[in-house]
Amino acid sequence: MYLFYPETEAARASGYEHFDHVSARLANGGPAVSETAAQGMLTAVATLLAAPFDQVVAELAAIKHPVLYANGLDDVMIPAHNSYVAVQHLDNATLVLYAGAGHAFLFQYAKAFTRQVADFLAA
């Protein structure tokens, strides 16, 4: 819970609701994350964290397409400040920060995030 939902009553309630939903889907034969997929994600994160900041800035600056960049204001894994810094290096970015949300903002605010994505794609 710590990495995904802030320590507020509303956020934690949303987190437990989400985890109950996922548990029920997994119990009913829903797709699980494979070990290969998990290892791939860990490798990608390690590669990203090892990249020099100047390289990351150059790669962001090379992106010319519109970008929707979203995060929770209380994300402890990827702080909102990092999102703000990232969009400063993108030519055409929209930054959306969800109050009272952590790394799992897209589950906590699923309807609002879905609307945001649909509006972004429609533009």
C-alpha atoms as a PDB file:
ATOM      1  CA  MET A   1       0.000   0.000   0.000  1.00  0.00           C
ATOM      2  CA  TYR A   2       2.792   2.431   0.915  1.00  0.00           C
ATOM      3  CA  LEU A   3       4.138   2.767  -2.630  1.00  0.00           C
ATOM      4  CA  PHE A   4       0.774   3.120  -4.304  1.00  0.00           C
ATOM      5  CA  TYR A   5      -1.695   4.909  -2.002  1.00  0.00           C
ATOM      6  CA  PRO A   6      -1.091   7.810   0.404  1.00  0.00           C
ATOM      7  CA  GLU A   7      -1.714   7.320   4.094  1.00  0.00           C
ATOM      8  CA  THR A   8      -5.157   8.918   4.122  1.00  0.00           C
ATOM      9  CA  GLU A   9      -8.420   7.194   4.905  1.00  0.00           C
ATOM     10  CA  ALA A  10      -9.879   7.854   1.442  1.00  0.00           C
ATOM     11  CA  ALA A  11      -6.756   6.758  -0.433  1.00  0.00           C
ATOM     12  CA  ARG A  12      -6.328   3.599   1.642  1.00  0.00           C
ATOM     13  CA  ALA A  13     -10.008   2.689   1.160  1.00  0.00           C
ATOM     14  CA  SER A  14      -9.516   3.064  -2.586  1.00  0.00           C
ATOM     15  CA  GLY A  15      -6.386   0.909  -2.383  1.00  0.00           C
ATOM     16  CA  TYR A  16      -8.097  -1.899  -0.496  1.00  0.00           C
ATOM     17  CA  GLU A  17     -10.988  -1.780  -2.966  1.00  0.00           C
ATOM     18  CA  HIS A  18      -8.551  -2.038  -5.868  1.00  0.00           C
ATOM     19  CA  PHE A  19      -6.601  -4.908  -4.276  1.00  0.00           C
ATOM     20  CA  ASP A  20      -9.867  -6.767  -3.559  1.00  0.00           C
ATOM     21  CA  HIS A  21     -10.838  -6.355  -7.225  1.00  0.00           C
ATOM     22  CA  VAL A  22      -7.472  -7.632  -8.449  1.00  0.00           C
ATOM     23  CA  SER A  23      -7.519 -10.557  -5.997  1.00  0.00           C
ATOM     24  CA  ALA A  24     -10.994 -11.570  -7.157  1.00  0.00           C
ATOM     25  CA  ARG A  25      -9.932 -11.445 -10.827  1.00  0.00           C
ATOM     26  CA  LEU A  26      -6.831 -13.519 -10.138  1.00  0.00           C
ATOM     27  CA  ALA A  27      -8.860 -16.054  -8.147  1.00  0.00           C
ATOM     28  CA  ASN A  28     -11.238 -16.368 -11.114  1.00  0.00           C
ATOM     29  CA  GLY A  29      -8.409 -17.110 -13.544  1.00  0.00           C
ATOM     30  CA  GLY A  30      -7.583 -13.547 -14.537  1.00  0.00           C
ATOM     31  CA  PRO A  31      -4.182 -12.875 -16.081  1.00  0.00           C
ATOM     32  CA  ALA A  32      -1.239 -12.930 -13.711  1.00  0.00           C
ATOM     33  CA  VAL A  33       2.090 -11.180 -14.184  1.00  0.00           C
ATOM     34  CA  SER A  34       4.657 -13.690 -15.377  1.00  0.00           C
ATOM     35  CA  GLU A  35       8.115 -13.906 -13.881  1.00  0.00           C
ATOM     36  CA  THR A  36       9.527 -12.968 -17.291  1.00  0.00           C
ATOM     37  CA  ALA A  37       7.407  -9.806 -17.412  1.00  0.00           C
ATOM     38  CA  ALA A  38       8.360  -8.868 -13.839  1.00  0.00           C
ATOM     39  CA  GLN A  39      12.060  -9.364 -14.570  1.00  0.00           C
ATOM     40  CA  GLY A  40      11.738  -7.300 -17.740  1.00  0.00           C
ATOM     41  CA  MET A  41      10.180  -4.447 -15.771  1.00  0.00           C
ATOM     42  CA  LEU A  42      12.950  -4.589 -13.152  1.00  0.00           C
ATOM     43  CA  THR A  43      15.577  -4.522 -15.907  1.00  0.00           C
ATOM     44  CA  ALA A  44      13.909  -1.522 -17.560  1.00  0.00           C
ATOM     45  CA  VAL A  45      13.729   0.375 -14.251  1.00  0.00           C
ATOM     46  CA  ALA A  46      17.383  -0.391 -13.461  1.00  0.00           C
ATOM     47  CA  THR A  47      18.404   0.831 -16.922  1.00  0.00           C
ATOM     48  CA  LEU A  48      16.428   4.039 -16.504  1.00  0.00           C
ATOM     49  CA  LEU A  49      17.868   4.728 -13.056  1.00  0.00           C
ATOM     50  CA  ALA A  50      21.405   4.204 -14.347  1.00  0.00           C
ATOM     51  CA  ALA A  51      21.014   6.706 -17.200  1.00  0.00           C
ATOM     52  CA  PRO A  52      22.824  10.034 -16.708  1.00  0.00           C
ATOM     53  CA  PHE A  53      20.451  12.986 -16.271  1.00  0.00           C
ATOM     54  CA  ASP A  54      21.812  14.705 -19.399  1.00  0.00           C
ATOM     55  CA  GLN A  55      20.971  11.627 -21.458  1.00  0.00           C
ATOM     56  CA  VAL A  56      17.428  11.534 -20.070  1.00  0.00           C
ATOM     57  CA  VAL A  57      16.971  15.239 -20.856  1.00  0.00           C
ATOM     58  CA  ALA A  58      18.227  14.706 -24.420  1.00  0.00           C
ATOM     59  CA  GLU A  59      15.859  11.777 -24.929  1.00  0.00           C
ATOM     60  CA  LEU A  60      12.911  13.784 -23.598  1.00  0.00           C
ATOM     61  CA  ALA A  61      13.811  16.755 -25.807  1.00  0.00           C
ATOM     62  CA  ALA A  62      13.830  14.450 -28.836  1.00  0.00           C
ATOM     63  CA  ILE A  63      10.157  13.599 -28.323  1.00  0.00           C
ATOM     64  CA  LYS A  64       8.133  15.857 -30.603  1.00  0.00           C
ATOM     65  CA  HIS A  65       4.715  14.219 -30.340  1.00  0.00           C
ATOM     66  CA  PRO A  66       2.160  15.419 -27.782  1.00  0.00           C
ATOM     67  CA  VAL A  67       2.671  13.731 -24.410  1.00  0.00           C
ATOM     68  CA  LEU A  68       0.196  13.223 -21.574  1.00  0.00           C
ATOM     69  CA  TYR A  69       2.219  12.985 -18.378  1.00  0.00           C
ATOM     70  CA  ALA A  70       0.224  11.998 -15.292  1.00  0.00           C
ATOM     71  CA  ASN A  71       1.117  11.282 -11.692  1.00  0.00           C
ATOM     72  CA  GLY A  72      -0.205  11.375  -8.156  1.00  0.00           C
ATOM     73  CA  LEU A  73       0.835  14.343  -6.052  1.00  0.00           C
ATOM     74  CA  ASP A  74       1.760  12.002  -3.203  1.00  0.00           C
ATOM     75  CA  ASP A  75       3.676   9.411  -5.246  1.00  0.00           C
ATOM     76  CA  VAL A  76       6.626   8.175  -3.174  1.00  0.00           C
ATOM     77  CA  MET A  77       8.041   6.001  -5.984  1.00  0.00           C
ATOM     78  CA  ILE A  78       8.176   8.755  -8.637  1.00  0.00           C
ATOM     79  CA  PRO A  79       7.667  12.101  -6.885  1.00  0.00           C
ATOM     80  CA  ALA A  80       5.411  14.632  -8.604  1.00  0.00           C
ATOM     81  CA  HIS A  81       8.362  17.012  -8.748  1.00  0.00           C
ATOM     82  CA  ASN A  82      10.100  14.587 -11.121  1.00  0.00           C
ATOM     83  CA  SER A  83       7.070  14.727 -13.419  1.00  0.00           C
ATOM     84  CA  TYR A  84       7.215  18.510 -13.400  1.00  0.00           C
ATOM     85  CA  VAL A  85      10.930  18.440 -14.250  1.00  0.00           C
ATOM     86  CA  ALA A  86      10.341  15.933 -17.059  1.00  0.00           C
ATOM     87  CA  VAL A  87       7.661  17.994 -18.795  1.00  0.00           C
ATOM     88  CA  GLN A  88       9.985  21.003 -18.798  1.00  0.00           C
ATOM     89  CA  HIS A  89      12.047  19.098 -21.365  1.00  0.00           C
ATOM     90  CA  LEU A  90       9.140  18.078 -23.608  1.00  0.00           C
ATOM     91  CA  ASP A  91       7.999  20.392 -26.407  1.00  0.00           C
ATOM     92  CA  ASN A  92       4.318  19.523 -26.202  1.00  0.00           C
ATOM     93  CA  ALA A  93       3.378  18.013 -22.852  1.00  0.00           C
ATOM     94  CA  THR A  94       0.295  18.101 -20.699  1.00  0.00           C
ATOM     95  CA  LEU A  95       0.946  17.429 -17.021  1.00  0.00           C
ATOM     96  CA  VAL A  96      -1.906  16.143 -14.875  1.00  0.00           C
ATOM     97  CA  LEU A  97      -1.370  15.648 -11.142  1.00  0.00           C
ATOM     98  CA  TYR A  98      -3.998  13.932  -9.000  1.00  0.00           C
ATOM     99  CA  ALA A  99      -4.380  15.274  -5.460  1.00  0.00           C
ATOM    100  CA  GLY A 100      -4.464  12.762  -2.623  1.00  0.00           C
ATOM    101  CA  ALA A 101      -3.074  10.052  -4.886  1.00  0.00           C
ATOM    102  CA  GLY A 102       0.136   8.094  -5.107  1.00  0.00           C
ATOM    103  CA  HIS A 103       1.647   5.815  -7.742  1.00  0.00           C
ATOM    104  CA  ALA A 104      -1.722   4.099  -8.274  1.00  0.00           C
ATOM    105  CA  PHE A 105      -3.508   7.341  -9.234  1.00  0.00           C
ATOM    106  CA  LEU A 106      -4.866   5.686 -12.394  1.00  0.00           C
ATOM    107  CA  PHE A 107      -6.741   3.134 -10.278  1.00  0.00           C
ATOM    108  CA  GLN A 108      -7.739   5.576  -7.547  1.00  0.00           C
ATOM    109  CA  TYR A 109      -9.084   8.047 -10.124  1.00  0.00           C
ATOM    110  CA  ALA A 110      -9.896   5.574 -12.900  1.00  0.00           C
ATOM    111  CA  LYS A 111     -12.870   7.486 -14.337  1.00  0.00           C
ATOM    112  CA  ALA A 112     -11.142  10.879 -14.263  1.00  0.00           C
ATOM    113  CA  PHE A 113      -7.945   9.432 -15.731  1.00  0.00           C
ATOM    114  CA  THR A 114      -9.874   7.604 -18.457  1.00  0.00           C
ATOM    115  CA  ARG A 115     -11.625  10.882 -19.356  1.00  0.00           C
ATOM    116  CA  GLN A 116      -8.286  12.708 -19.388  1.00  0.00           C
ATOM    117  CA  VAL A 117      -6.745  10.108 -21.711  1.00  0.00           C
ATOM    118  CA  ALA A 118      -9.794  10.127 -24.026  1.00  0.00           C
ATOM    119  CA  ASP A 119      -9.755  13.941 -24.211  1.00  0.00           C
ATOM    120  CA  PHE A 120      -6.018  13.940 -24.870  1.00  0.00           C
ATOM    121  CA  LEU A 121      -6.332  11.385 -27.655  1.00  0.00           C
ATOM    122  CA  ALA A 122      -9.291  13.243 -29.186  1.00  0.00           C
ATOM    123  CA  ALA A 123      -7.380  16.534 -29.395  1.00  0.00           C
END
